[in-house]
Amino acid sequence: MNNKSFPHLMPEGRIGPMSTPNRVVLPAMDMNVSEGGEIVQSEIDHYAARAIAFPYGVA
């Protein structure tokens, strides 16, 4: 990705007091694997694999 293709996505973003390197965000999604509202290892593994397979958020 580059700034010419996505000029409004690539600049630094802000969410309240937190800054982000760009404005690309992966929202929370429900996979129905939580136990009592806690994150479980299978969810961590899923998002880790996704980050490796789709480093720019493109699925």
N, C-alpha and C. Protein backbone atom coordinates (compact mmCIF):
# COMPACT_ATOMS: atom_id res chain seq x y z
N MET A 1 0.85 -1.17 0.00
CA MET A 1 0.00 0.00 0.00
C MET A 1 0.89 1.23 0.00
N ASN A 2 0.38 2.28 -0.59
CA ASN A 2 1.12 3.52 -0.55
C ASN A 2 0.17 4.69 -0.37
N ASN A 3 0.75 5.83 -0.05
CA ASN A 3 -0.06 7.02 0.22
C ASN A 3 -0.83 7.50 -1.00
N LYS A 4 -0.32 7.23 -2.21
CA LYS A 4 -1.02 7.69 -3.41
C LYS A 4 -2.31 6.90 -3.64
N SER A 5 -2.28 5.61 -3.33
CA SER A 5 -3.47 4.77 -3.53
C SER A 5 -4.54 5.02 -2.47
N PHE A 6 -4.10 5.25 -1.24
CA PHE A 6 -5.02 5.40 -0.12
C PHE A 6 -4.61 6.60 0.73
N PRO A 7 -4.77 7.81 0.22
CA PRO A 7 -4.26 8.98 0.93
C PRO A 7 -4.89 9.23 2.29
N HIS A 8 -6.11 8.77 2.52
CA HIS A 8 -6.77 9.02 3.80
C HIS A 8 -6.57 7.88 4.81
N LEU A 9 -6.04 6.74 4.35
CA LEU A 9 -5.84 5.60 5.25
C LEU A 9 -4.44 5.54 5.84
N MET A 10 -3.45 5.99 5.09
CA MET A 10 -2.07 5.76 5.50
C MET A 10 -1.48 6.78 6.47
N PRO A 11 -2.00 8.02 6.59
CA PRO A 11 -1.41 8.93 7.58
C PRO A 11 -1.68 8.45 9.00
N GLU A 12 -0.89 8.96 9.94
CA GLU A 12 -1.08 8.61 11.35
C GLU A 12 -2.52 8.89 11.75
N GLY A 13 -3.06 8.00 12.58
CA GLY A 13 -4.42 8.17 13.08
C GLY A 13 -4.41 8.35 14.59
N ARG A 14 -5.56 8.72 15.14
CA ARG A 14 -5.69 8.89 16.59
C ARG A 14 -7.03 8.31 17.03
N ILE A 15 -6.99 7.61 18.15
CA ILE A 15 -8.20 7.12 18.80
C ILE A 15 -8.10 7.63 20.23
N GLY A 16 -8.80 8.71 20.52
CA GLY A 16 -8.64 9.35 21.83
C GLY A 16 -7.19 9.76 22.01
N PRO A 17 -6.57 9.39 23.13
CA PRO A 17 -5.18 9.78 23.37
C PRO A 17 -4.16 8.86 22.67
N MET A 18 -4.62 7.78 22.07
CA MET A 18 -3.71 6.80 21.46
C MET A 18 -3.47 7.14 20.00
N SER A 19 -2.20 7.05 19.57
CA SER A 19 -1.89 7.27 18.16
C SER A 19 -1.65 5.92 17.49
N THR A 20 -1.94 5.87 16.20
CA THR A 20 -1.71 4.66 15.41
C THR A 20 -0.84 5.02 14.21
N PRO A 21 -0.04 4.08 13.69
CA PRO A 21 0.84 4.40 12.58
C PRO A 21 0.08 4.72 11.29
N ASN A 22 -1.16 4.25 11.20
CA ASN A 22 -2.01 4.54 10.05
C ASN A 22 -3.46 4.42 10.52
N ARG A 23 -4.39 4.47 9.62
CA ARG A 23 -5.81 4.42 9.99
C ARG A 23 -6.46 3.10 9.62
N VAL A 24 -5.66 2.08 9.42
CA VAL A 24 -6.16 0.75 9.10
C VAL A 24 -6.42 0.03 10.42
N VAL A 25 -7.64 -0.44 10.63
CA VAL A 25 -8.02 -1.05 11.90
C VAL A 25 -8.74 -2.37 11.64
N LEU A 26 -8.41 -3.39 12.42
CA LEU A 26 -9.16 -4.65 12.39
C LEU A 26 -10.12 -4.61 13.58
N PRO A 27 -11.41 -4.47 13.34
CA PRO A 27 -12.35 -4.38 14.45
C PRO A 27 -12.51 -5.72 15.16
N ALA A 28 -12.98 -5.65 16.37
CA ALA A 28 -13.25 -6.87 17.13
C ALA A 28 -14.33 -7.68 16.43
N MET A 29 -14.14 -8.99 16.39
CA MET A 29 -15.11 -9.87 15.75
C MET A 29 -15.38 -11.05 16.68
N ASP A 30 -16.57 -11.54 16.68
CA ASP A 30 -16.96 -12.63 17.56
C ASP A 30 -16.80 -13.97 16.85
N MET A 31 -15.92 -14.82 17.38
CA MET A 31 -15.72 -16.16 16.81
C MET A 31 -16.40 -17.23 17.67
N ASN A 32 -17.09 -16.78 18.74
CA ASN A 32 -17.78 -17.70 19.65
C ASN A 32 -16.86 -18.74 20.26
N VAL A 33 -15.64 -18.33 20.60
CA VAL A 33 -14.72 -19.26 21.26
C VAL A 33 -14.32 -18.77 22.64
N SER A 34 -14.84 -17.62 23.07
CA SER A 34 -14.50 -17.07 24.38
C SER A 34 -15.11 -17.92 25.48
N GLU A 35 -14.40 -17.96 26.58
CA GLU A 35 -14.90 -18.67 27.76
C GLU A 35 -15.10 -17.63 28.85
N GLY A 36 -16.35 -17.31 29.14
CA GLY A 36 -16.64 -16.32 30.18
C GLY A 36 -16.18 -14.92 29.81
N GLY A 37 -16.12 -14.62 28.52
CA GLY A 37 -15.70 -13.30 28.09
C GLY A 37 -14.20 -13.10 28.04
N GLU A 38 -13.44 -14.14 28.33
CA GLU A 38 -11.97 -14.06 28.32
C GLU A 38 -11.43 -14.51 26.97
N ILE A 39 -10.32 -13.93 26.54
CA ILE A 39 -9.66 -14.37 25.32
C ILE A 39 -8.99 -15.70 25.59
N VAL A 40 -9.18 -16.65 24.68
CA VAL A 40 -8.58 -17.98 24.83
C VAL A 40 -7.49 -18.16 23.78
N GLN A 41 -6.66 -19.16 23.97
CA GLN A 41 -5.50 -19.36 23.10
C GLN A 41 -5.88 -19.53 21.63
N SER A 42 -7.01 -20.16 21.35
CA SER A 42 -7.40 -20.34 19.95
C SER A 42 -7.66 -18.99 19.26
N GLU A 43 -8.19 -18.01 20.00
CA GLU A 43 -8.37 -16.67 19.43
C GLU A 43 -7.03 -15.99 19.18
N ILE A 44 -6.12 -16.10 20.12
CA ILE A 44 -4.78 -15.53 19.96
C ILE A 44 -4.11 -16.15 18.74
N ASP A 45 -4.20 -17.47 18.61
CA ASP A 45 -3.60 -18.16 17.47
C ASP A 45 -4.21 -17.70 16.15
N HIS A 46 -5.53 -17.52 16.13
CA HIS A 46 -6.22 -17.07 14.92
C HIS A 46 -5.72 -15.70 14.48
N TYR A 47 -5.66 -14.74 15.40
CA TYR A 47 -5.23 -13.39 15.02
C TYR A 47 -3.74 -13.33 14.72
N ALA A 48 -2.93 -14.16 15.36
CA ALA A 48 -1.50 -14.22 15.04
C ALA A 48 -1.31 -14.75 13.62
N ALA A 49 -2.03 -15.81 13.26
CA ALA A 49 -1.93 -16.37 11.91
C ALA A 49 -2.44 -15.37 10.87
N ARG A 50 -3.50 -14.69 11.19
CA ARG A 50 -4.05 -13.68 10.27
C ARG A 50 -3.07 -12.53 10.05
N ALA A 51 -2.40 -12.11 11.11
CA ALA A 51 -1.43 -11.01 10.98
C ALA A 51 -0.27 -11.41 10.08
N ILE A 52 0.12 -12.67 10.12
CA ILE A 52 1.21 -13.15 9.26
C ILE A 52 0.72 -13.29 7.82
N ALA A 53 -0.45 -13.86 7.64
CA ALA A 53 -0.97 -14.11 6.28
C ALA A 53 -1.41 -12.82 5.58
N PHE A 54 -1.94 -11.88 6.33
CA PHE A 54 -2.47 -10.64 5.76
C PHE A 54 -1.88 -9.43 6.50
N PRO A 55 -0.58 -9.16 6.32
CA PRO A 55 0.07 -8.10 7.11
C PRO A 55 -0.48 -6.71 6.88
N TYR A 56 -1.17 -6.48 5.78
CA TYR A 56 -1.75 -5.16 5.51
C TYR A 56 -3.25 -5.15 5.74
N GLY A 57 -3.78 -6.20 6.36
CA GLY A 57 -5.20 -6.26 6.66
C GLY A 57 -6.08 -6.67 5.50
N VAL A 58 -5.48 -7.10 4.40
CA VAL A 58 -6.25 -7.49 3.22
C VAL A 58 -6.59 -8.96 3.32
N ALA A 59 -7.87 -9.27 3.33
CA ALA A 59 -8.29 -10.67 3.43
C ALA A 59 -8.92 -11.11 2.14
